[in-house]
Amino acid sequence: MSLAGLLISFLISFGLLLIAMTVHEFSHGLTAYKLGDPTAKYSGRLTLNPFAHIDPMWTFFLPLFLFISTHGQFVFGAAKPVPINYHSLKNPKRDIIWIGLSGPAANFLLASVLSLFLKFFPTPPGLLSLILGNLIIINVVLGVFNLLPIPPLDGSRILSGLLPPDLAYTYARIEPYGFIILMLLLWFGVFGYIVWPAVNLILRILGITI
C-alpha cells in the first residue's frame, strides 16, 4: 500500500475509533449523572462532541503507534476517562459497577444496531458497507477490551465494586502501573488469548465476518 493509501486508511480507522470512544465515554458520563454525580456534566464531558474526550497519548499516539507497528493492520486506542466523584453517587459501591458496565454496553448496543441495519438494509459491497462493518468491529473490540480488569479500564471499576472494601483499596493501588501492565499484556499476546476469541464470538452472534 502506498503512503497516501496508508494515510487514508489510518484517518478512516481513526475516525471510526473516535466515534466508538465518544459513545463509550458519553455513556459513562450519562450513567454517572443519572446516579447522582454531575461531575462529567460540569467538566464538559456529557457530550457527543469527540473533541471533549480526546487524550493525546491514548487517543492519538497509541493508535498511530499500533497502526505503524502493524503495517496498517490494527488500530486501537482510548479516550480520556470521564471524571467520577464517588462521594456524589447514591450508592458508590453499587453504582461504580453500573458506570463501568455502561461504556462497553453502549459499544455493544451500537454494534448491534449497526448489524441489524446491515441485515435489514443490506448495502452493496463498497465503501459504505466497509465503513459500517469496521465500525461494528471497532465497537466490539473496544467493549471487550475495556472489560479487562486492569486499571483504568472499565473491568477494574466493575471488579472494585464487587470486591470487599479492603481488597478493593489494595487493588486500586495498581492503577498507576495500569498502562505498563496493559502494554506488557499486549506484548505477550493477550489479544490472541482473551480478547479476540470473545470478539469473534460476539461478531458471529451479530452475523459479522472478518
Protein backbone atom coordinates (compact mmCIF):
# COMPACT_ATOMS: atom_id res chain seq x y z
CA MET A 1 0.00 0.00 0.00
CA SER A 2 1.27 3.46 -0.87
CA LEU A 3 1.96 6.12 1.74
CA ALA A 4 -1.15 8.03 0.66
CA GLY A 5 -3.21 4.85 0.93
CA LEU A 6 -1.86 4.16 4.43
CA LEU A 7 -2.67 7.71 5.49
CA ILE A 8 -6.24 7.49 4.18
CA SER A 9 -6.68 4.09 5.86
CA PHE A 10 -5.42 5.45 9.17
CA LEU A 11 -7.68 8.51 9.02
CA ILE A 12 -10.75 6.36 8.32
CA SER A 13 -9.90 3.89 11.10
CA PHE A 14 -9.09 6.73 13.49
CA GLY A 15 -12.40 8.44 12.71
CA LEU A 16 -14.35 5.24 13.39
CA LEU A 17 -12.41 4.67 16.61
CA LEU A 18 -13.20 8.21 17.70
CA ILE A 19 -16.92 7.57 17.17
CA ALA A 20 -16.80 4.40 19.27
CA MET A 21 -14.79 6.06 22.05
CA THR A 22 -17.12 9.07 22.16
CA VAL A 23 -20.19 6.87 22.56
CA HIS A 24 -18.34 4.90 25.23
CA GLU A 25 -17.33 7.91 27.35
CA PHE A 26 -20.65 9.69 26.91
CA SER A 27 -22.37 6.61 28.29
CA HIS A 28 -20.14 6.67 31.37
CA GLY A 29 -20.91 10.32 31.97
CA LEU A 30 -24.64 9.91 31.42
CA THR A 31 -24.85 6.91 33.76
CA ALA A 32 -22.90 8.72 36.48
CA TYR A 33 -25.17 11.75 36.07
CA LYS A 34 -28.30 9.62 36.39
CA LEU A 35 -26.83 8.05 39.55
CA GLY A 36 -26.24 11.42 41.20
CA ASP A 37 -22.78 12.57 40.06
CA PRO A 38 -22.82 15.72 37.87
CA THR A 39 -19.00 15.89 37.57
CA ALA A 40 -18.96 14.82 33.92
CA LYS A 41 -21.59 17.42 33.05
CA TYR A 42 -19.73 20.24 34.78
CA SER A 43 -16.47 19.07 33.18
CA GLY A 44 -17.95 19.33 29.69
CA ARG A 45 -17.81 15.56 29.19
CA LEU A 46 -21.55 14.88 28.99
CA THR A 47 -21.46 15.41 25.24
CA LEU A 48 -21.15 13.53 21.96
CA ASN A 49 -18.56 16.03 20.76
CA PRO A 50 -15.49 13.80 20.22
CA PHE A 51 -13.03 16.63 20.87
CA ALA A 52 -14.16 16.75 24.51
CA HIS A 53 -12.94 13.18 25.04
CA ILE A 54 -9.54 13.24 23.30
CA ASP A 55 -6.43 12.31 25.26
CA PRO A 56 -3.18 12.99 23.33
CA MET A 57 -1.45 9.75 24.38
CA TRP A 58 -4.32 7.25 24.38
CA THR A 59 -6.46 8.73 21.59
CA PHE A 60 -3.82 9.74 19.07
CA PHE A 61 -0.30 8.48 19.71
CA LEU A 62 -1.30 4.94 20.74
CA PRO A 63 -3.47 4.35 17.63
CA LEU A 64 -0.75 5.84 15.42
CA PHE A 65 1.92 3.65 17.03
CA LEU A 66 -0.18 0.50 16.64
CA PHE A 67 -1.07 1.37 13.05
CA ILE A 68 2.59 1.89 12.09
CA SER A 69 3.90 -1.11 14.05
CA THR A 70 1.30 -3.46 12.50
CA HIS A 71 1.78 -2.01 8.98
CA GLY A 72 -1.76 -0.71 8.84
CA GLN A 73 -3.43 -3.90 10.08
CA PHE A 74 -4.59 -2.73 13.51
CA VAL A 75 -5.72 0.50 15.18
CA PHE A 76 -6.80 0.82 18.77
CA GLY A 77 -6.87 3.50 21.46
CA ALA A 78 -8.83 5.00 24.30
CA ALA A 79 -10.40 8.30 25.26
CA LYS A 80 -9.74 10.48 28.30
CA PRO A 81 -11.53 8.82 31.24
CA VAL A 82 -14.67 10.57 32.42
CA PRO A 83 -14.12 12.10 35.91
CA ILE A 84 -16.20 10.49 38.63
CA ASN A 85 -16.85 11.84 42.13
CA TYR A 86 -17.64 8.72 44.11
CA HIS A 87 -18.95 10.75 47.06
CA SER A 88 -21.74 12.14 44.86
CA LEU A 89 -23.06 8.73 43.90
CA LYS A 90 -26.17 7.50 45.66
CA ASN A 91 -24.60 4.09 46.34
CA PRO A 92 -20.89 4.25 45.36
CA LYS A 93 -20.17 0.53 45.80
CA ARG A 94 -23.08 -0.48 43.56
CA ASP A 95 -23.12 2.48 41.19
CA ILE A 96 -19.49 2.16 40.12
CA ILE A 97 -20.38 -1.25 38.69
CA TRP A 98 -23.14 0.27 36.55
CA ILE A 99 -20.87 3.10 35.45
CA GLY A 100 -18.17 0.62 34.48
CA LEU A 101 -20.62 -1.55 32.55
CA SER A 102 -22.26 1.35 30.74
CA GLY A 103 -19.34 2.09 28.39
CA PRO A 104 -18.91 -1.43 26.98
CA ALA A 105 -22.70 -1.86 26.92
CA ALA A 106 -23.03 1.26 24.76
CA ASN A 107 -20.45 -0.10 22.32
CA PHE A 108 -22.19 -3.47 22.11
CA LEU A 109 -25.56 -1.75 21.63
CA LEU A 110 -24.21 0.43 18.81
CA ALA A 111 -22.63 -2.62 17.16
CA SER A 112 -25.95 -4.49 17.44
CA VAL A 113 -27.94 -1.62 15.92
CA LEU A 114 -25.49 -1.30 13.02
CA SER A 115 -25.54 -5.05 12.38
CA LEU A 116 -29.35 -5.01 12.30
CA PHE A 117 -29.20 -2.12 9.87
CA LEU A 118 -26.92 -4.11 7.57
CA LYS A 119 -29.21 -7.12 7.90
CA PHE A 120 -32.46 -5.34 7.02
CA PHE A 121 -30.97 -2.71 4.72
CA PRO A 122 -28.08 -4.52 3.04
CA THR A 123 -25.65 -2.28 1.21
CA PRO A 124 -23.77 -3.41 -1.90
CA PRO A 125 -20.06 -4.11 -1.45
CA GLY A 126 -18.26 -0.80 -1.35
CA LEU A 127 -17.04 1.96 0.89
CA LEU A 128 -20.24 2.29 2.96
CA SER A 129 -20.50 -1.40 3.81
CA LEU A 130 -16.78 -1.48 4.61
CA ILE A 131 -17.08 1.52 6.93
CA LEU A 132 -20.15 0.15 8.75
CA GLY A 133 -18.54 -3.28 9.10
CA ASN A 134 -15.36 -1.79 10.52
CA LEU A 135 -17.34 0.42 12.90
CA ILE A 136 -19.11 -2.67 14.23
CA ILE A 137 -15.79 -4.48 14.74
CA ILE A 138 -14.17 -1.48 16.45
CA ASN A 139 -17.12 -1.12 18.84
CA VAL A 140 -16.98 -4.80 19.78
CA VAL A 141 -13.21 -4.72 20.27
CA LEU A 142 -13.45 -1.57 22.40
CA GLY A 143 -16.23 -3.06 24.50
CA VAL A 144 -14.46 -6.36 25.11
CA PHE A 145 -11.07 -4.77 25.75
CA ASN A 146 -12.49 -2.40 28.35
CA LEU A 147 -13.93 -5.30 30.31
CA LEU A 148 -10.41 -6.47 31.18
CA PRO A 149 -9.99 -5.98 34.96
CA ILE A 150 -6.92 -3.75 34.67
CA PRO A 151 -6.99 -0.13 35.89
CA PRO A 152 -8.06 2.22 34.43
CA LEU A 153 -10.20 0.01 32.18
CA ASP A 154 -13.88 -0.44 32.99
CA GLY A 155 -13.37 -4.01 34.12
CA SER A 156 -11.38 -2.67 37.06
CA ARG A 157 -14.32 -0.48 38.13
CA ILE A 158 -16.65 -3.44 37.96
CA LEU A 159 -14.26 -5.62 39.94
CA SER A 160 -13.69 -2.87 42.53
CA GLY A 161 -17.43 -2.68 43.09
CA LEU A 162 -17.63 -6.42 43.62
CA LEU A 163 -14.62 -6.78 45.94
CA PRO A 164 -14.77 -6.21 49.70
CA PRO A 165 -13.64 -2.66 50.61
CA ASP A 166 -10.17 -3.65 51.89
CA LEU A 167 -9.39 -5.72 48.80
CA ALA A 168 -10.82 -3.01 46.52
CA TYR A 169 -8.48 -0.45 48.12
CA THR A 170 -5.46 -2.71 47.66
CA TYR A 171 -6.49 -3.48 44.09
CA ALA A 172 -6.86 0.23 43.24
CA ARG A 173 -3.22 0.83 44.18
CA ILE A 174 -2.03 -0.82 40.96
CA GLU A 175 -3.71 1.87 38.82
CA PRO A 176 -0.52 3.97 38.35
CA TYR A 177 1.02 0.92 36.70
CA GLY A 178 -2.02 0.08 34.58
CA PHE A 179 -0.62 1.40 31.30
CA ILE A 180 2.62 -0.59 31.74
CA ILE A 181 0.64 -3.74 32.58
CA LEU A 182 -1.54 -3.27 29.50
CA MET A 183 1.47 -2.81 27.23
CA LEU A 184 3.10 -5.96 28.64
CA LEU A 185 -0.09 -7.96 28.17
CA LEU A 186 -0.39 -6.71 24.59
CA TRP A 187 3.25 -7.62 24.01
CA PHE A 188 2.68 -11.15 25.33
CA GLY A 189 -0.41 -11.68 23.18
CA VAL A 190 -3.36 -11.10 25.49
CA PHE A 191 -5.45 -10.13 22.45
CA GLY A 192 -4.87 -13.51 20.92
CA TYR A 193 -5.74 -15.49 24.04
CA ILE A 194 -8.56 -13.49 25.62
CA VAL A 195 -9.86 -10.54 23.66
CA TRP A 196 -10.02 -11.87 20.10
CA PRO A 197 -11.89 -15.10 20.96
CA ALA A 198 -14.55 -13.03 22.76
CA VAL A 199 -14.65 -10.51 19.89
CA ASN A 200 -15.04 -13.27 17.31
CA LEU A 201 -17.84 -14.90 19.33
CA ILE A 202 -19.81 -11.64 19.58
CA LEU A 203 -19.26 -10.88 15.88
CA ARG A 204 -20.56 -14.35 14.94
CA ILE A 205 -23.66 -13.70 17.04
CA LEU A 206 -24.13 -10.40 15.20
CA GLY A 207 -23.59 -12.11 11.85
CA ILE A 208 -20.42 -10.19 11.02
CA THR A 209 -17.45 -11.92 9.40
CA ILE A 210 -13.89 -10.65 9.44
